[in-house]
Amino acid sequence: MIVTIKNDDGETLFDITKIGDELKRQEAGVIVQKVGTLGTTIEALDFASRTHRANLEKLLETCDEAKVEPKTPEEES
């Protein structure tokens, strides 16, 4: 499995299947799986958040009684 590491120095490619130490190879595989799972979770949370925000906006657009006008600087003084 090829893994790309991006940092300030640029991009470096690693083939984790070529790691000689079995424990390190397994650990690298587990970390890759965890990163993948976290990436999927982040995408799902972002999608859910955007959906809820859109639903809230749609709901609030029909609630004119809840609308508040922002105060002008003169009103705040």
PDB file of N, CA and C in Angstrom:
ATOM      1  N   MET A   1       0.857  -1.162   0.000  1.00  0.00           N
ATOM      2  CA  MET A   1       0.000   0.000   0.000  1.00  0.00           C
ATOM      3  C   MET A   1       0.909   1.231   0.000  1.00  0.00           C
ATOM      4  N   ILE A   2       0.639   2.128  -0.936  1.00  0.00           N
ATOM      5  CA  ILE A   2       1.417   3.359  -1.055  1.00  0.00           C
ATOM      6  C   ILE A   2       0.743   4.449  -0.230  1.00  0.00           C
ATOM      7  N   VAL A   3       1.535   5.121   0.597  1.00  0.00           N
ATOM      8  CA  VAL A   3       1.042   6.194   1.453  1.00  0.00           C
ATOM      9  C   VAL A   3       1.810   7.462   1.081  1.00  0.00           C
ATOM     10  N   THR A   4       1.080   8.564   0.912  1.00  0.00           N
ATOM     11  CA  THR A   4       1.705   9.849   0.615  1.00  0.00           C
ATOM     12  C   THR A   4       1.688  10.700   1.872  1.00  0.00           C
ATOM     13  N   ILE A   5       2.847  11.162   2.279  1.00  0.00           N
ATOM     14  CA  ILE A   5       2.975  12.053   3.431  1.00  0.00           C
ATOM     15  C   ILE A   5       3.283  13.447   2.893  1.00  0.00           C
ATOM     16  N   LYS A   6       2.405  14.401   3.217  1.00  0.00           N
ATOM     17  CA  LYS A   6       2.609  15.784   2.790  1.00  0.00           C
ATOM     18  C   LYS A   6       2.955  16.618   4.014  1.00  0.00           C
ATOM     19  N   ASN A   7       4.055  17.362   3.923  1.00  0.00           N
ATOM     20  CA  ASN A   7       4.447  18.259   5.007  1.00  0.00           C
ATOM     21  C   ASN A   7       5.168  19.462   4.414  1.00  0.00           C
ATOM     22  N   ASP A   8       5.816  20.251   5.253  1.00  0.00           N
ATOM     23  CA  ASP A   8       6.501  21.461   4.789  1.00  0.00           C
ATOM     24  C   ASP A   8       7.620  21.160   3.792  1.00  0.00           C
ATOM     25  N   ASP A   9       8.174  19.960   3.875  1.00  0.00           N
ATOM     26  CA  ASP A   9       9.272  19.574   2.979  1.00  0.00           C
ATOM     27  C   ASP A   9       8.786  19.092   1.623  1.00  0.00           C
ATOM     28  N   GLY A  10       7.470  18.953   1.459  1.00  0.00           N
ATOM     29  CA  GLY A  10       6.902  18.468   0.202  1.00  0.00           C
ATOM     30  C   GLY A  10       6.170  17.154   0.411  1.00  0.00           C
ATOM     31  N   GLU A  11       6.166  16.331  -0.631  1.00  0.00           N
ATOM     32  CA  GLU A  11       5.484  15.035  -0.588  1.00  0.00           C
ATOM     33  C   GLU A  11       6.508  13.912  -0.612  1.00  0.00           C
ATOM     34  N   THR A  12       6.245  12.880   0.195  1.00  0.00           N
ATOM     35  CA  THR A  12       7.083  11.680   0.195  1.00  0.00           C
ATOM     36  C   THR A  12       6.157  10.483   0.103  1.00  0.00           C
ATOM     37  N   LEU A  13       6.508   9.557  -0.785  1.00  0.00           N
ATOM     38  CA  LEU A  13       5.725   8.334  -0.950  1.00  0.00           C
ATOM     39  C   LEU A  13       6.398   7.195  -0.199  1.00  0.00           C
ATOM     40  N   PHE A  14       5.574   6.376   0.456  1.00  0.00           N
ATOM     41  CA  PHE A  14       6.073   5.208   1.183  1.00  0.00           C
ATOM     42  C   PHE A  14       5.230   4.001   0.788  1.00  0.00           C
ATOM     43  N   ASP A  15       5.866   2.865   0.597  1.00  0.00           N
ATOM     44  CA  ASP A  15       5.162   1.600   0.370  1.00  0.00           C
ATOM     45  C   ASP A  15       5.257   0.818   1.668  1.00  0.00           C
ATOM     46  N   ILE A  16       4.169   0.837   2.438  1.00  0.00           N
ATOM     47  CA  ILE A  16       4.236   0.215   3.761  1.00  0.00           C
ATOM     48  C   ILE A  16       4.326  -1.309   3.698  1.00  0.00           C
ATOM     49  N   THR A  17       4.011  -1.902   2.543  1.00  0.00           N
ATOM     50  CA  THR A  17       4.148  -3.356   2.418  1.00  0.00           C
ATOM     51  C   THR A  17       5.616  -3.770   2.369  1.00  0.00           C
ATOM     52  N   LYS A  18       6.511  -2.801   2.152  1.00  0.00           N
ATOM     53  CA  LYS A  18       7.944  -3.108   2.080  1.00  0.00           C
ATOM     54  C   LYS A  18       8.663  -2.904   3.406  1.00  0.00           C
ATOM     55  N   ILE A  19       7.928  -2.571   4.465  1.00  0.00           N
ATOM     56  CA  ILE A  19       8.553  -2.406   5.785  1.00  0.00           C
ATOM     57  C   ILE A  19       9.009  -3.778   6.261  1.00  0.00           C
ATOM     58  N   GLY A  20      10.280  -3.878   6.624  1.00  0.00           N
ATOM     59  CA  GLY A  20      10.851  -5.163   7.014  1.00  0.00           C
ATOM     60  C   GLY A  20      10.357  -5.687   8.352  1.00  0.00           C
ATOM     61  N   ASP A  21      10.199  -4.821   9.303  1.00  0.00           N
ATOM     62  CA  ASP A  21       9.768  -5.210  10.650  1.00  0.00           C
ATOM     63  C   ASP A  21       8.254  -5.447  10.635  1.00  0.00           C
ATOM     64  N   GLU A  22       7.855  -6.674  10.931  1.00  0.00           N
ATOM     65  CA  GLU A  22       6.432  -7.056  10.890  1.00  0.00           C
ATOM     66  C   GLU A  22       5.581  -6.182  11.805  1.00  0.00           C
ATOM     67  N   LEU A  23       6.067  -5.899  13.013  1.00  0.00           N
ATOM     68  CA  LEU A  23       5.292  -5.082  13.953  1.00  0.00           C
ATOM     69  C   LEU A  23       5.094  -3.660  13.428  1.00  0.00           C
ATOM     70  N   LYS A  24       6.143  -3.081  12.867  1.00  0.00           N
ATOM     71  CA  LYS A  24       6.038  -1.730  12.301  1.00  0.00           C
ATOM     72  C   LYS A  24       5.076  -1.723  11.107  1.00  0.00           C
ATOM     73  N   ARG A  25       5.151  -2.770  10.275  1.00  0.00           N
ATOM     74  CA  ARG A  25       4.259  -2.868   9.111  1.00  0.00           C
ATOM     75  C   ARG A  25       2.802  -2.952   9.570  1.00  0.00           C
ATOM     76  N   GLN A  26       2.535  -3.763  10.592  1.00  0.00           N
ATOM     77  CA  GLN A  26       1.179  -3.879  11.119  1.00  0.00           C
ATOM     78  C   GLN A  26       0.712  -2.559  11.729  1.00  0.00           C
ATOM     79  N   GLU A  27       1.599  -1.919  12.482  1.00  0.00           N
ATOM     80  CA  GLU A  27       1.245  -0.644  13.107  1.00  0.00           C
ATOM     81  C   GLU A  27       0.937   0.409  12.036  1.00  0.00           C
ATOM     82  N   ALA A  28       1.739   0.443  10.982  1.00  0.00           N
ATOM     83  CA  ALA A  28       1.492   1.389   9.890  1.00  0.00           C
ATOM     84  C   ALA A  28       0.132   1.113   9.251  1.00  0.00           C
ATOM     85  N   GLY A  29      -0.189  -0.156   9.057  1.00  0.00           N
ATOM     86  CA  GLY A  29      -1.490  -0.515   8.478  1.00  0.00           C
ATOM     87  C   GLY A  29      -2.651  -0.074   9.358  1.00  0.00           C
ATOM     88  N   VAL A  30      -2.504  -0.278  10.663  1.00  0.00           N
ATOM     89  CA  VAL A  30      -3.553   0.131  11.611  1.00  0.00           C
ATOM     90  C   VAL A  30      -3.720   1.646  11.598  1.00  0.00           C
ATOM     91  N   ILE A  31      -2.605   2.369  11.576  1.00  0.00           N
ATOM     92  CA  ILE A  31      -2.679   3.836  11.566  1.00  0.00           C
ATOM     93  C   ILE A  31      -3.348   4.327  10.280  1.00  0.00           C
ATOM     94  N   VAL A  32      -3.007   3.705   9.150  1.00  0.00           N
ATOM     95  CA  VAL A  32      -3.644   4.080   7.877  1.00  0.00           C
ATOM     96  C   VAL A  32      -5.151   3.854   7.956  1.00  0.00           C
ATOM     97  N   GLN A  33      -5.578   2.736   8.530  1.00  0.00           N
ATOM     98  CA  GLN A  33      -7.011   2.461   8.686  1.00  0.00           C
ATOM     99  C   GLN A  33      -7.676   3.495   9.581  1.00  0.00           C
ATOM    100  N   LYS A  34      -7.011   3.867  10.682  1.00  0.00           N
ATOM    101  CA  LYS A  34      -7.576   4.860  11.604  1.00  0.00           C
ATOM    102  C   LYS A  34      -7.718   6.218  10.921  1.00  0.00           C
ATOM    103  N   VAL A  35      -6.690   6.614  10.171  1.00  0.00           N
ATOM    104  CA  VAL A  35      -6.743   7.892   9.459  1.00  0.00           C
ATOM    105  C   VAL A  35      -7.888   7.871   8.437  1.00  0.00           C
ATOM    106  N   GLY A  36      -8.044   6.761   7.753  1.00  0.00           N
ATOM    107  CA  GLY A  36      -9.139   6.633   6.792  1.00  0.00           C
ATOM    108  C   GLY A  36     -10.497   6.732   7.468  1.00  0.00           C
ATOM    109  N   THR A  37     -10.639   6.069   8.601  1.00  0.00           N
ATOM    110  CA  THR A  37     -11.893   6.124   9.351  1.00  0.00           C
ATOM    111  C   THR A  37     -12.183   7.542   9.833  1.00  0.00           C
ATOM    112  N   LEU A  38     -11.154   8.210  10.341  1.00  0.00           N
ATOM    113  CA  LEU A  38     -11.333   9.594  10.799  1.00  0.00           C
ATOM    114  C   LEU A  38     -11.700  10.516   9.639  1.00  0.00           C
ATOM    115  N   GLY A  39     -11.076  10.323   8.484  1.00  0.00           N
ATOM    116  CA  GLY A  39     -11.413  11.125   7.311  1.00  0.00           C
ATOM    117  C   GLY A  39     -12.871  10.940   6.907  1.00  0.00           C
ATOM    118  N   THR A  40     -13.333   9.698   6.928  1.00  0.00           N
ATOM    119  CA  THR A  40     -14.734   9.412   6.599  1.00  0.00           C
ATOM    120  C   THR A  40     -15.666  10.047   7.622  1.00  0.00           C
ATOM    121  N   THR A  41     -15.301   9.959   8.900  1.00  0.00           N
ATOM    122  CA  THR A  41     -16.116  10.551   9.967  1.00  0.00           C
ATOM    123  C   THR A  41     -16.180  12.070   9.816  1.00  0.00           C
ATOM    124  N   ILE A  42     -15.050  12.691   9.509  1.00  0.00           N
ATOM    125  CA  ILE A  42     -15.028  14.142   9.317  1.00  0.00           C
ATOM    126  C   ILE A  42     -15.944  14.545   8.165  1.00  0.00           C
ATOM    127  N   GLU A  43     -15.873  13.815   7.062  1.00  0.00           N
ATOM    128  CA  GLU A  43     -16.744  14.113   5.915  1.00  0.00           C
ATOM    129  C   GLU A  43     -18.209  13.959   6.299  1.00  0.00           C
ATOM    130  N   ALA A  44     -18.539  12.908   7.032  1.00  0.00           N
ATOM    131  CA  ALA A  44     -19.921  12.676   7.445  1.00  0.00           C
ATOM    132  C   ALA A  44     -20.403  13.777   8.380  1.00  0.00           C
ATOM    133  N   LEU A  45     -19.571  14.192   9.326  1.00  0.00           N
ATOM    134  CA  LEU A  45     -19.953  15.271  10.248  1.00  0.00           C
ATOM    135  C   LEU A  45     -20.120  16.591   9.510  1.00  0.00           C
ATOM    136  N   ASP A  46     -19.243  16.861   8.560  1.00  0.00           N
ATOM    137  CA  ASP A  46     -19.355  18.089   7.768  1.00  0.00           C
ATOM    138  C   ASP A  46     -20.663  18.091   6.981  1.00  0.00           C
ATOM    139  N   PHE A  47     -20.989  16.967   6.356  1.00  0.00           N
ATOM    140  CA  PHE A  47     -22.236  16.856   5.597  1.00  0.00           C
ATOM    141  C   PHE A  47     -23.442  17.046   6.519  1.00  0.00           C
ATOM    142  N   ALA A  48     -23.420  16.387   7.675  1.00  0.00           N
ATOM    143  CA  ALA A  48     -24.527  16.504   8.627  1.00  0.00           C
ATOM    144  C   ALA A  48     -24.667  17.940   9.117  1.00  0.00           C
ATOM    145  N   SER A  49     -23.562  18.586   9.421  1.00  0.00           N
ATOM    146  CA  SER A  49     -23.589  19.963   9.896  1.00  0.00           C
ATOM    147  C   SER A  49     -24.172  20.896   8.839  1.00  0.00           C
ATOM    148  N   ARG A  50     -23.713  20.758   7.593  1.00  0.00           N
ATOM    149  CA  ARG A  50     -24.243  21.614   6.522  1.00  0.00           C
ATOM    150  C   ARG A  50     -25.733  21.370   6.305  1.00  0.00           C
ATOM    151  N   THR A  51     -26.151  20.111   6.412  1.00  0.00           N
ATOM    152  CA  THR A  51     -27.569  19.782   6.242  1.00  0.00           C
ATOM    153  C   THR A  51     -28.410  20.401   7.347  1.00  0.00           C
ATOM    154  N   HIS A  52     -27.958  20.292   8.589  1.00  0.00           N
ATOM    155  CA  HIS A  52     -28.702  20.872   9.705  1.00  0.00           C
ATOM    156  C   HIS A  52     -28.757  22.393   9.605  1.00  0.00           C
ATOM    157  N   ARG A  53     -27.654  23.012   9.213  1.00  0.00           N
ATOM    158  CA  ARG A  53     -27.648  24.470   9.048  1.00  0.00           C
ATOM    159  C   ARG A  53     -28.640  24.903   7.973  1.00  0.00           C
ATOM    160  N   ALA A  54     -28.658  24.169   6.868  1.00  0.00           N
ATOM    161  CA  ALA A  54     -29.596  24.489   5.787  1.00  0.00           C
ATOM    162  C   ALA A  54     -31.037  24.310   6.251  1.00  0.00           C
ATOM    163  N   ASN A  55     -31.300  23.245   6.998  1.00  0.00           N
ATOM    164  CA  ASN A  55     -32.653  23.019   7.516  1.00  0.00           C
ATOM    165  C   ASN A  55     -33.061  24.112   8.498  1.00  0.00           C
ATOM    166  N   LEU A  56     -32.129  24.534   9.354  1.00  0.00           N
ATOM    167  CA  LEU A  56     -32.420  25.613  10.293  1.00  0.00           C
ATOM    168  C   LEU A  56     -32.705  26.909   9.550  1.00  0.00           C
ATOM    169  N   GLU A  57     -31.899  27.216   8.555  1.00  0.00           N
ATOM    170  CA  GLU A  57     -32.115  28.430   7.765  1.00  0.00           C
ATOM    171  C   GLU A  57     -33.485  28.405   7.092  1.00  0.00           C
ATOM    172  N   LYS A  58     -33.828  27.264   6.516  1.00  0.00           N
ATOM    173  CA  LYS A  58     -35.130  27.127   5.847  1.00  0.00           C
ATOM    174  C   LYS A  58     -36.266  27.326   6.850  1.00  0.00           C
ATOM    175  N   LEU A  59     -36.140  26.742   8.038  1.00  0.00           N
ATOM    176  CA  LEU A  59     -37.157  26.875   9.073  1.00  0.00           C
ATOM    177  C   LEU A  59     -37.281  28.327   9.529  1.00  0.00           C
ATOM    178  N   LEU A  60     -36.135  28.967   9.780  1.00  0.00           N
ATOM    179  CA  LEU A  60     -36.163  30.339  10.300  1.00  0.00           C
ATOM    180  C   LEU A  60     -36.676  31.337   9.267  1.00  0.00           C
ATOM    181  N   GLU A  61     -36.514  31.052   7.997  1.00  0.00           N
ATOM    182  CA  GLU A  61     -37.029  31.944   6.963  1.00  0.00           C
ATOM    183  C   GLU A  61     -38.551  32.083   7.038  1.00  0.00           C
ATOM    184  N   THR A  62     -39.212  31.108   7.621  1.00  0.00           N
ATOM    185  CA  THR A  62     -40.676  31.154   7.734  1.00  0.00           C
ATOM    186  C   THR A  62     -41.137  31.712   9.075  1.00  0.00           C
ATOM    187  N   CYS A  63     -40.210  32.176   9.902  1.00  0.00           N
ATOM    188  CA  CYS A  63     -40.532  32.679  11.242  1.00  0.00           C
ATOM    189  C   CYS A  63     -40.200  34.165  11.333  1.00  0.00           C
ATOM    190  N   ASP A  64     -40.989  34.977  10.641  1.00  0.00           N
ATOM    191  CA  ASP A  64     -40.725  36.412  10.646  1.00  0.00           C
ATOM    192  C   ASP A  64     -40.772  37.006  12.049  1.00  0.00           C
ATOM    193  N   GLU A  65     -41.594  36.432  12.932  1.00  0.00           N
ATOM    194  CA  GLU A  65     -41.715  36.971  14.287  1.00  0.00           C
ATOM    195  C   GLU A  65     -40.429  36.817  15.097  1.00  0.00           C
ATOM    196  N   ALA A  66     -39.543  35.933  14.668  1.00  0.00           N
ATOM    197  CA  ALA A  66     -38.305  35.713  15.406  1.00  0.00           C
ATOM    198  C   ALA A  66     -37.145  36.558  14.868  1.00  0.00           C
ATOM    199  N   LYS A  67     -37.381  37.251  13.768  1.00  0.00           N
ATOM    200  CA  LYS A  67     -36.312  38.032  13.159  1.00  0.00           C
ATOM    201  C   LYS A  67     -35.961  39.234  14.031  1.00  0.00           C
ATOM    202  N   VAL A  68     -34.665  39.465  14.205  1.00  0.00           N
ATOM    203  CA  VAL A  68     -34.157  40.576  15.005  1.00  0.00           C
ATOM    204  C   VAL A  68     -33.291  41.432  14.087  1.00  0.00           C
ATOM    205  N   GLU A  69     -33.549  42.720  14.092  1.00  0.00           N
ATOM    206  CA  GLU A  69     -32.745  43.635  13.288  1.00  0.00           C
ATOM    207  C   GLU A  69     -31.480  43.991  14.067  1.00  0.00           C
ATOM    208  N   PRO A  70     -30.332  44.004  13.400  1.00  0.00           N
ATOM    209  CA  PRO A  70     -29.107  44.380  14.103  1.00  0.00           C
ATOM    210  C   PRO A  70     -29.154  45.843  14.529  1.00  0.00           C
ATOM    211  N   LYS A  71     -28.566  46.108  15.669  1.00  0.00           N
ATOM    212  CA  LYS A  71     -28.553  47.481  16.175  1.00  0.00           C
ATOM    213  C   LYS A  71     -27.495  48.284  15.430  1.00  0.00           C
ATOM    214  N   THR A  72     -27.805  49.550  15.208  1.00  0.00           N
ATOM    215  CA  THR A  72     -26.821  50.438  14.608  1.00  0.00           C
ATOM    216  C   THR A  72     -25.907  50.954  15.706  1.00  0.00           C
ATOM    217  N   PRO A  73     -24.743  51.479  15.376  1.00  0.00           N
ATOM    218  CA  PRO A  73     -23.844  51.996  16.415  1.00  0.00           C
ATOM    219  C   PRO A  73     -24.482  53.091  17.270  1.00  0.00           C
ATOM    220  N   GLU A  74     -25.367  53.915  16.689  1.00  0.00           N
ATOM    221  CA  GLU A  74     -26.028  54.971  17.469  1.00  0.00           C
ATOM    222  C   GLU A  74     -26.959  54.382  18.515  1.00  0.00           C
ATOM    223  N   GLU A  75     -27.640  53.294  18.189  1.00  0.00           N
ATOM    224  CA  GLU A  75     -28.567  52.666  19.114  1.00  0.00           C
ATOM    225  C   GLU A  75     -27.847  52.009  20.297  1.00  0.00           C
ATOM    226  N   GLU A  76     -26.625  51.569  20.071  1.00  0.00           N
ATOM    227  CA  GLU A  76     -25.868  50.894  21.112  1.00  0.00           C
ATOM    228  C   GLU A  76     -25.321  51.890  22.147  1.00  0.00           C
ATOM    229  N   SER A  77     -25.149  53.160  21.754  1.00  0.00           N
ATOM    230  CA  SER A  77     -24.582  54.162  22.664  1.00  0.00           C
ATOM    231  C   SER A  77     -25.561  54.595  23.717  1.00  0.00           C
TER     232      SER A  77
END
